[in-house]
Amino acid sequence: MLVKKLTQTLLAGSLVFGIVQSAMAEMTADFLLTSNNFVEGLSVTDDGPGAQLGLGYAHQVGKPANHMGLHAGLNTFNIAGLDGTALAYELSVGFAKAFSGVGLELGAVIPNDSGNSFAISPDYFVGASYKMISAGFATNADRTYMSLGAEHALGPVTLSLHGGNTSVTGFTWLDASFGASMPIKWVDLNAAVIYSDAPIIGDTKFQVGVSKGLEF
């Protein structure tokens, strides 16, 4: 589920062994309040509001333009389940490498819900970025997901474009989104249009929210 976030961590470095260079450890925290929470173009909150909290740790070794390492994170968010709202979480670990403007990442995401009522196999992912362009691929026992995206800053506004393809046994669908983000006081205001052609439940929807990221 974190495929859409892969390339946000490509330059976040982390722990490596046997290399004597400058090192920098970093703790991060971020939260999101949104009118609707989407994963691969589909609402996981039954078109209701969503909240998300993430915590991460990274240890960067090397210069900013040429570093590598490991990072880990915990992401929690609400979902709409058969028995009402539930709390889901994702544990992630990954290795990142940056060189000459190119970012590479590989790792795994382990998801589950608060009641452990269903077992979901881990997502294994790879991601790459170059300047404003990013791409990702994730797979588990049930499905594969491929994504392509771009970001561009116009003054205080950051524009983003995303496209993805989900393949589950017997089904395939596309998703696309166009969004904008702008800092307002101490938070970021976000808005996006999300499209999916998934069978039966695919649609075009609008999303607004506020978010904030912190580094320690």
C-alpha atoms as a PDB file:
ATOM      1  CA  MET A   1       0.000   0.000   0.000  1.00  0.00           C
ATOM      2  CA  LEU A   2       2.921   2.242   0.300  1.00  0.00           C
ATOM      3  CA  VAL A   3       3.856   2.053  -3.350  1.00  0.00           C
ATOM      4  CA  LYS A   4       2.720   5.608  -3.925  1.00  0.00           C
ATOM      5  CA  LYS A   5       5.206   6.710  -1.243  1.00  0.00           C
ATOM      6  CA  LEU A   6       8.248   4.777  -2.386  1.00  0.00           C
ATOM      7  CA  THR A   7      10.167   7.559  -4.041  1.00  0.00           C
ATOM      8  CA  GLN A   8       9.552   9.966  -1.183  1.00  0.00           C
ATOM      9  CA  THR A   9      12.088   7.919   0.782  1.00  0.00           C
ATOM     10  CA  LEU A  10      14.663   7.362  -1.944  1.00  0.00           C
ATOM     11  CA  LEU A  11      16.839  10.199  -0.663  1.00  0.00           C
ATOM     12  CA  ALA A  12      16.283   9.363   2.995  1.00  0.00           C
ATOM     13  CA  GLY A  13      19.457   7.244   3.406  1.00  0.00           C
ATOM     14  CA  SER A  14      20.131   4.921   6.329  1.00  0.00           C
ATOM     15  CA  LEU A  15      22.396   2.424   8.051  1.00  0.00           C
ATOM     16  CA  VAL A  16      25.249   0.818   6.125  1.00  0.00           C
ATOM     17  CA  PHE A  17      28.264  -1.222   7.191  1.00  0.00           C
ATOM     18  CA  GLY A  18      31.977  -0.927   6.579  1.00  0.00           C
ATOM     19  CA  ILE A  19      31.949   2.556   5.015  1.00  0.00           C
ATOM     20  CA  VAL A  20      33.803   5.431   6.652  1.00  0.00           C
ATOM     21  CA  GLN A  21      32.004   8.576   5.552  1.00  0.00           C
ATOM     22  CA  SER A  22      29.851  11.304   7.085  1.00  0.00           C
ATOM     23  CA  ALA A  23      26.711   9.874   8.693  1.00  0.00           C
ATOM     24  CA  MET A  24      23.376  11.423   9.640  1.00  0.00           C
ATOM     25  CA  ALA A  25      20.527   9.794  11.554  1.00  0.00           C
ATOM     26  CA  GLU A  26      17.001  11.129  11.251  1.00  0.00           C
ATOM     27  CA  MET A  27      13.676  10.479  12.920  1.00  0.00           C
ATOM     28  CA  THR A  28      10.535  11.538  11.056  1.00  0.00           C
ATOM     29  CA  ALA A  29       6.850  11.851  11.896  1.00  0.00           C
ATOM     30  CA  ASP A  30       3.964  12.799   9.648  1.00  0.00           C
ATOM     31  CA  PHE A  31       0.204  12.963   9.858  1.00  0.00           C
ATOM     32  CA  LEU A  32      -2.619  13.301   7.347  1.00  0.00           C
ATOM     33  CA  LEU A  33      -6.281  14.227   7.771  1.00  0.00           C
ATOM     34  CA  THR A  34      -8.254  13.733   4.560  1.00  0.00           C
ATOM     35  CA  SER A  35     -11.799  13.726   3.250  1.00  0.00           C
ATOM     36  CA  ASN A  36     -11.210  10.308   1.654  1.00  0.00           C
ATOM     37  CA  ASN A  37      -8.259   7.927   1.790  1.00  0.00           C
ATOM     38  CA  PHE A  38      -7.289   6.105  -1.417  1.00  0.00           C
ATOM     39  CA  VAL A  39      -5.043   3.123  -2.114  1.00  0.00           C
ATOM     40  CA  GLU A  40      -4.380   2.223  -5.739  1.00  0.00           C
ATOM     41  CA  GLY A  41      -7.255   4.451  -6.822  1.00  0.00           C
ATOM     42  CA  LEU A  42      -9.840   2.883  -4.480  1.00  0.00           C
ATOM     43  CA  SER A  43     -11.225   4.342  -1.255  1.00  0.00           C
ATOM     44  CA  VAL A  44     -10.277   2.337   1.847  1.00  0.00           C
ATOM     45  CA  THR A  45     -12.577   4.466   4.034  1.00  0.00           C
ATOM     46  CA  ASP A  46     -15.815   3.817   2.101  1.00  0.00           C
ATOM     47  CA  ASP A  47     -15.702   7.409   0.799  1.00  0.00           C
ATOM     48  CA  GLY A  48     -15.506   8.707   4.367  1.00  0.00           C
ATOM     49  CA  PRO A  49     -12.817  10.776   6.119  1.00  0.00           C
ATOM     50  CA  GLY A  50      -9.427   9.274   6.905  1.00  0.00           C
ATOM     51  CA  ALA A  51      -6.556   9.840   9.317  1.00  0.00           C
ATOM     52  CA  GLN A  52      -3.010   8.606   8.967  1.00  0.00           C
ATOM     53  CA  LEU A  53       0.077   8.724  11.203  1.00  0.00           C
ATOM     54  CA  GLY A  54       3.586   7.676  10.217  1.00  0.00           C
ATOM     55  CA  LEU A  55       6.863   7.288  12.120  1.00  0.00           C
ATOM     56  CA  GLY A  56      10.236   6.574  10.521  1.00  0.00           C
ATOM     57  CA  TYR A  57      13.962   6.272  11.130  1.00  0.00           C
ATOM     58  CA  ALA A  58      16.778   6.609   8.619  1.00  0.00           C
ATOM     59  CA  HIS A  59      20.561   6.734   8.908  1.00  0.00           C
ATOM     60  CA  GLN A  60      22.315   8.277   5.923  1.00  0.00           C
ATOM     61  CA  VAL A  61      25.925   7.565   5.052  1.00  0.00           C
ATOM     62  CA  GLY A  62      27.694   9.575   2.371  1.00  0.00           C
ATOM     63  CA  LYS A  63      27.104  12.903   0.694  1.00  0.00           C
ATOM     64  CA  PRO A  64      23.507  13.962  -0.149  1.00  0.00           C
ATOM     65  CA  ALA A  65      24.048  13.374  -3.890  1.00  0.00           C
ATOM     66  CA  ASN A  66      25.722   9.974  -3.369  1.00  0.00           C
ATOM     67  CA  HIS A  67      24.615   7.995  -0.321  1.00  0.00           C
ATOM     68  CA  MET A  68      23.014   4.718   0.691  1.00  0.00           C
ATOM     69  CA  GLY A  69      21.561   2.951   3.692  1.00  0.00           C
ATOM     70  CA  LEU A  70      18.549   1.350   5.363  1.00  0.00           C
ATOM     71  CA  HIS A  71      15.326   2.887   6.636  1.00  0.00           C
ATOM     72  CA  ALA A  72      12.335   1.603   8.605  1.00  0.00           C
ATOM     73  CA  GLY A  73       8.872   2.962   9.303  1.00  0.00           C
ATOM     74  CA  LEU A  74       5.453   2.383  10.846  1.00  0.00           C
ATOM     75  CA  ASN A  75       2.321   3.729   9.188  1.00  0.00           C
ATOM     76  CA  THR A  76      -1.173   3.574  10.764  1.00  0.00           C
ATOM     77  CA  PHE A  77      -4.520   4.588   9.261  1.00  0.00           C
ATOM     78  CA  ASN A  78      -8.240   3.885   9.503  1.00  0.00           C
ATOM     79  CA  ILE A  79     -10.081   1.644   7.049  1.00  0.00           C
ATOM     80  CA  ALA A  80     -13.728   0.719   6.507  1.00  0.00           C
ATOM     81  CA  GLY A  81     -14.185  -2.967   7.243  1.00  0.00           C
ATOM     82  CA  LEU A  82     -17.152  -5.334   7.272  1.00  0.00           C
ATOM     83  CA  ASP A  83     -17.652  -4.657  10.989  1.00  0.00           C
ATOM     84  CA  GLY A  84     -17.178  -0.894  10.799  1.00  0.00           C
ATOM     85  CA  THR A  85     -14.057   1.225  11.069  1.00  0.00           C
ATOM     86  CA  ALA A  86     -10.815  -0.584  11.893  1.00  0.00           C
ATOM     87  CA  LEU A  87      -7.232   0.482  12.443  1.00  0.00           C
ATOM     88  CA  ALA A  88      -4.692  -0.820   9.947  1.00  0.00           C
ATOM     89  CA  TYR A  89      -0.935  -0.594  10.100  1.00  0.00           C
ATOM     90  CA  GLU A  90       2.052  -1.157   7.836  1.00  0.00           C
ATOM     91  CA  LEU A  91       5.639  -1.929   8.832  1.00  0.00           C
ATOM     92  CA  SER A  92       8.238  -1.139   6.182  1.00  0.00           C
ATOM     93  CA  VAL A  93      11.971  -1.673   5.749  1.00  0.00           C
ATOM     94  CA  GLY A  94      14.062  -0.714   2.772  1.00  0.00           C
ATOM     95  CA  PHE A  95      17.465  -0.046   1.286  1.00  0.00           C
ATOM     96  CA  ALA A  96      18.045   3.193  -0.624  1.00  0.00           C
ATOM     97  CA  LYS A  97      20.875   4.358  -2.864  1.00  0.00           C
ATOM     98  CA  ALA A  98      21.322   7.757  -4.517  1.00  0.00           C
ATOM     99  CA  PHE A  99      23.939   8.720  -7.085  1.00  0.00           C
ATOM    100  CA  SER A 100      24.196  11.497  -9.689  1.00  0.00           C
ATOM    101  CA  GLY A 101      20.550  12.497  -9.341  1.00  0.00           C
ATOM    102  CA  VAL A 102      19.266   8.920  -9.548  1.00  0.00           C
ATOM    103  CA  GLY A 103      17.502   7.283  -6.597  1.00  0.00           C
ATOM    104  CA  LEU A 104      16.993   3.534  -6.179  1.00  0.00           C
ATOM    105  CA  GLU A 105      15.125   1.676  -3.452  1.00  0.00           C
ATOM    106  CA  LEU A 106      14.045  -1.853  -2.593  1.00  0.00           C
ATOM    107  CA  GLY A 107      12.313  -3.268   0.435  1.00  0.00           C
ATOM    108  CA  ALA A 108       9.208  -4.813   1.935  1.00  0.00           C
ATOM    109  CA  VAL A 109       5.949  -3.633   3.508  1.00  0.00           C
ATOM    110  CA  ILE A 110       4.090  -5.844   6.002  1.00  0.00           C
ATOM    111  CA  PRO A 111       0.419  -4.822   6.397  1.00  0.00           C
ATOM    112  CA  ASN A 112      -2.329  -5.946   8.778  1.00  0.00           C
ATOM    113  CA  ASP A 113      -5.393  -4.667  10.677  1.00  0.00           C
ATOM    114  CA  SER A 114      -5.782  -4.004  14.398  1.00  0.00           C
ATOM    115  CA  GLY A 115      -7.694  -7.229  15.092  1.00  0.00           C
ATOM    116  CA  ASN A 116      -5.368  -9.414  13.018  1.00  0.00           C
ATOM    117  CA  SER A 117      -8.561 -10.820  11.467  1.00  0.00           C
ATOM    118  CA  PHE A 118      -6.971 -11.285   8.075  1.00  0.00           C
ATOM    119  CA  ALA A 119      -3.470 -12.180   6.976  1.00  0.00           C
ATOM    120  CA  ILE A 120      -1.980 -10.200   4.127  1.00  0.00           C
ATOM    121  CA  SER A 121       1.225 -11.322   2.499  1.00  0.00           C
ATOM    122  CA  PRO A 122       4.050  -8.751   2.478  1.00  0.00           C
ATOM    123  CA  ASP A 123       4.549  -6.370  -0.414  1.00  0.00           C
ATOM    124  CA  TYR A 124       8.027  -6.532  -1.933  1.00  0.00           C
ATOM    125  CA  PHE A 125       8.866  -3.386  -3.853  1.00  0.00           C
ATOM    126  CA  VAL A 126      11.461  -1.650  -5.969  1.00  0.00           C
ATOM    127  CA  GLY A 127      11.447   2.030  -6.855  1.00  0.00           C
ATOM    128  CA  ALA A 128      13.490   4.470  -8.909  1.00  0.00           C
ATOM    129  CA  SER A 129      13.546   8.228  -9.406  1.00  0.00           C
ATOM    130  CA  TYR A 130      15.363  10.764 -11.541  1.00  0.00           C
ATOM    131  CA  LYS A 131      14.818  14.449 -10.903  1.00  0.00           C
ATOM    132  CA  MET A 132      11.026  14.958 -11.008  1.00  0.00           C
ATOM    133  CA  ILE A 133      10.134  11.472 -12.349  1.00  0.00           C
ATOM    134  CA  SER A 134       9.561   8.384 -10.194  1.00  0.00           C
ATOM    135  CA  ALA A 135       8.473   4.791 -10.799  1.00  0.00           C
ATOM    136  CA  GLY A 136       7.629   1.836  -8.577  1.00  0.00           C
ATOM    137  CA  PHE A 137       6.758  -1.858  -8.733  1.00  0.00           C
ATOM    138  CA  ALA A 138       5.297  -3.924  -5.879  1.00  0.00           C
ATOM    139  CA  THR A 139       4.120  -7.504  -5.687  1.00  0.00           C
ATOM    140  CA  ASN A 140       2.770 -10.005  -3.182  1.00  0.00           C
ATOM    141  CA  ALA A 141       1.067 -13.402  -3.338  1.00  0.00           C
ATOM    142  CA  ASP A 142      -2.187 -11.878  -4.589  1.00  0.00           C
ATOM    143  CA  ARG A 143      -1.405  -8.924  -6.812  1.00  0.00           C
ATOM    144  CA  THR A 144       1.117  -6.695  -8.568  1.00  0.00           C
ATOM    145  CA  TYR A 145       1.138  -2.914  -8.790  1.00  0.00           C
ATOM    146  CA  MET A 146       3.124  -0.657 -11.123  1.00  0.00           C
ATOM    147  CA  SER A 147       3.232   3.121 -10.821  1.00  0.00           C
ATOM    148  CA  LEU A 148       4.687   6.139 -12.565  1.00  0.00           C
ATOM    149  CA  GLY A 149       4.631   9.667 -11.185  1.00  0.00           C
ATOM    150  CA  ALA A 150       6.058  13.162 -11.396  1.00  0.00           C
ATOM    151  CA  GLU A 151       6.258  16.226  -9.142  1.00  0.00           C
ATOM    152  CA  HIS A 152       7.005  19.841 -10.026  1.00  0.00           C
ATOM    153  CA  ALA A 153       7.167  22.932  -7.817  1.00  0.00           C
ATOM    154  CA  LEU A 154       5.664  26.192  -9.036  1.00  0.00           C
ATOM    155  CA  GLY A 155       6.515  28.700  -6.351  1.00  0.00           C
ATOM    156  CA  PRO A 156       4.880  27.538  -3.089  1.00  0.00           C
ATOM    157  CA  VAL A 157       2.645  25.039  -4.914  1.00  0.00           C
ATOM    158  CA  THR A 158       3.816  21.481  -5.658  1.00  0.00           C
ATOM    159  CA  LEU A 159       1.946  19.737  -8.474  1.00  0.00           C
ATOM    160  CA  SER A 160       1.885  15.927  -8.683  1.00  0.00           C
ATOM    161  CA  LEU A 161       0.776  13.467 -11.347  1.00  0.00           C
ATOM    162  CA  HIS A 162       0.414   9.730 -10.723  1.00  0.00           C
ATOM    163  CA  GLY A 163      -0.632   6.690 -12.732  1.00  0.00           C
ATOM    164  CA  GLY A 164      -0.827   3.057 -11.684  1.00  0.00           C
ATOM    165  CA  ASN A 165      -1.887  -0.419 -12.796  1.00  0.00           C
ATOM    166  CA  THR A 166      -3.181  -3.100 -10.419  1.00  0.00           C
ATOM    167  CA  SER A 167      -3.360  -6.771 -11.410  1.00  0.00           C
ATOM    168  CA  VAL A 168      -5.236  -9.179  -9.136  1.00  0.00           C
ATOM    169  CA  THR A 169      -6.262 -12.709 -10.099  1.00  0.00           C
ATOM    170  CA  GLY A 170      -8.947 -12.238 -12.733  1.00  0.00           C
ATOM    171  CA  PHE A 171      -8.986  -8.424 -12.570  1.00  0.00           C
ATOM    172  CA  THR A 172      -6.881  -5.507 -13.802  1.00  0.00           C
ATOM    173  CA  TRP A 173      -7.556  -1.811 -13.346  1.00  0.00           C
ATOM    174  CA  LEU A 174      -5.879   1.553 -13.822  1.00  0.00           C
ATOM    175  CA  ASP A 175      -5.750   4.518 -11.494  1.00  0.00           C
ATOM    176  CA  ALA A 176      -4.613   8.092 -12.037  1.00  0.00           C
ATOM    177  CA  SER A 177      -4.473  11.233  -9.930  1.00  0.00           C
ATOM    178  CA  PHE A 178      -3.591  14.889 -10.266  1.00  0.00           C
ATOM    179  CA  GLY A 179      -2.885  16.817  -7.081  1.00  0.00           C
ATOM    180  CA  ALA A 180      -1.579  20.051  -5.640  1.00  0.00           C
ATOM    181  CA  SER A 181      -0.036  20.858  -2.252  1.00  0.00           C
ATOM    182  CA  MET A 182       0.733  24.215  -0.654  1.00  0.00           C
ATOM    183  CA  PRO A 183       1.949  25.170   2.839  1.00  0.00           C
ATOM    184  CA  ILE A 184      -0.568  27.148   4.894  1.00  0.00           C
ATOM    185  CA  LYS A 185       0.926  28.342   8.185  1.00  0.00           C
ATOM    186  CA  TRP A 186       2.317  25.200   9.857  1.00  0.00           C
ATOM    187  CA  VAL A 187       0.485  22.552   7.773  1.00  0.00           C
ATOM    188  CA  ASP A 188       0.256  21.629   4.095  1.00  0.00           C
ATOM    189  CA  LEU A 189      -3.070  21.908   2.288  1.00  0.00           C
ATOM    190  CA  ASN A 190      -3.616  19.104  -0.250  1.00  0.00           C
ATOM    191  CA  ALA A 191      -6.189  18.578  -2.994  1.00  0.00           C
ATOM    192  CA  ALA A 192      -6.422  15.894  -5.681  1.00  0.00           C
ATOM    193  CA  VAL A 193      -8.651  14.351  -8.317  1.00  0.00           C
ATOM    194  CA  ILE A 194      -8.470  10.537  -8.326  1.00  0.00           C
ATOM    195  CA  TYR A 195      -9.689   8.247 -11.115  1.00  0.00           C
ATOM    196  CA  SER A 196     -10.026   4.460 -11.235  1.00  0.00           C
ATOM    197  CA  ASP A 197     -11.601   2.150 -13.803  1.00  0.00           C
ATOM    198  CA  ALA A 198     -11.827  -0.783 -11.385  1.00  0.00           C
ATOM    199  CA  PRO A 199     -14.819  -3.066 -12.099  1.00  0.00           C
ATOM    200  CA  ILE A 200     -18.082  -1.912 -10.438  1.00  0.00           C
ATOM    201  CA  ILE A 201     -16.477   0.460  -7.895  1.00  0.00           C
ATOM    202  CA  GLY A 202     -14.241   2.521 -10.184  1.00  0.00           C
ATOM    203  CA  ASP A 203     -15.056   6.247 -10.378  1.00  0.00           C
ATOM    204  CA  THR A 204     -13.640   9.785 -10.446  1.00  0.00           C
ATOM    205  CA  LYS A 205     -13.498  11.412  -7.021  1.00  0.00           C
ATOM    206  CA  PHE A 206     -12.147  14.505  -5.296  1.00  0.00           C
ATOM    207  CA  GLN A 207     -10.001  14.589  -2.167  1.00  0.00           C
ATOM    208  CA  VAL A 208      -8.901  17.398   0.151  1.00  0.00           C
ATOM    209  CA  GLY A 209      -6.785  17.210   3.286  1.00  0.00           C
ATOM    210  CA  VAL A 210      -4.133  18.678   5.525  1.00  0.00           C
ATOM    211  CA  SER A 211      -0.769  17.102   6.336  1.00  0.00           C
ATOM    212  CA  LYS A 212       2.437  17.830   8.184  1.00  0.00           C
ATOM    213  CA  GLY A 213       5.858  16.216   8.216  1.00  0.00           C
ATOM    214  CA  LEU A 214       8.434  16.655  10.990  1.00  0.00           C
ATOM    215  CA  GLU A 215      12.130  15.778  11.193  1.00  0.00           C
ATOM    216  CA  PHE A 216      14.084  15.282  14.425  1.00  0.00           C
END
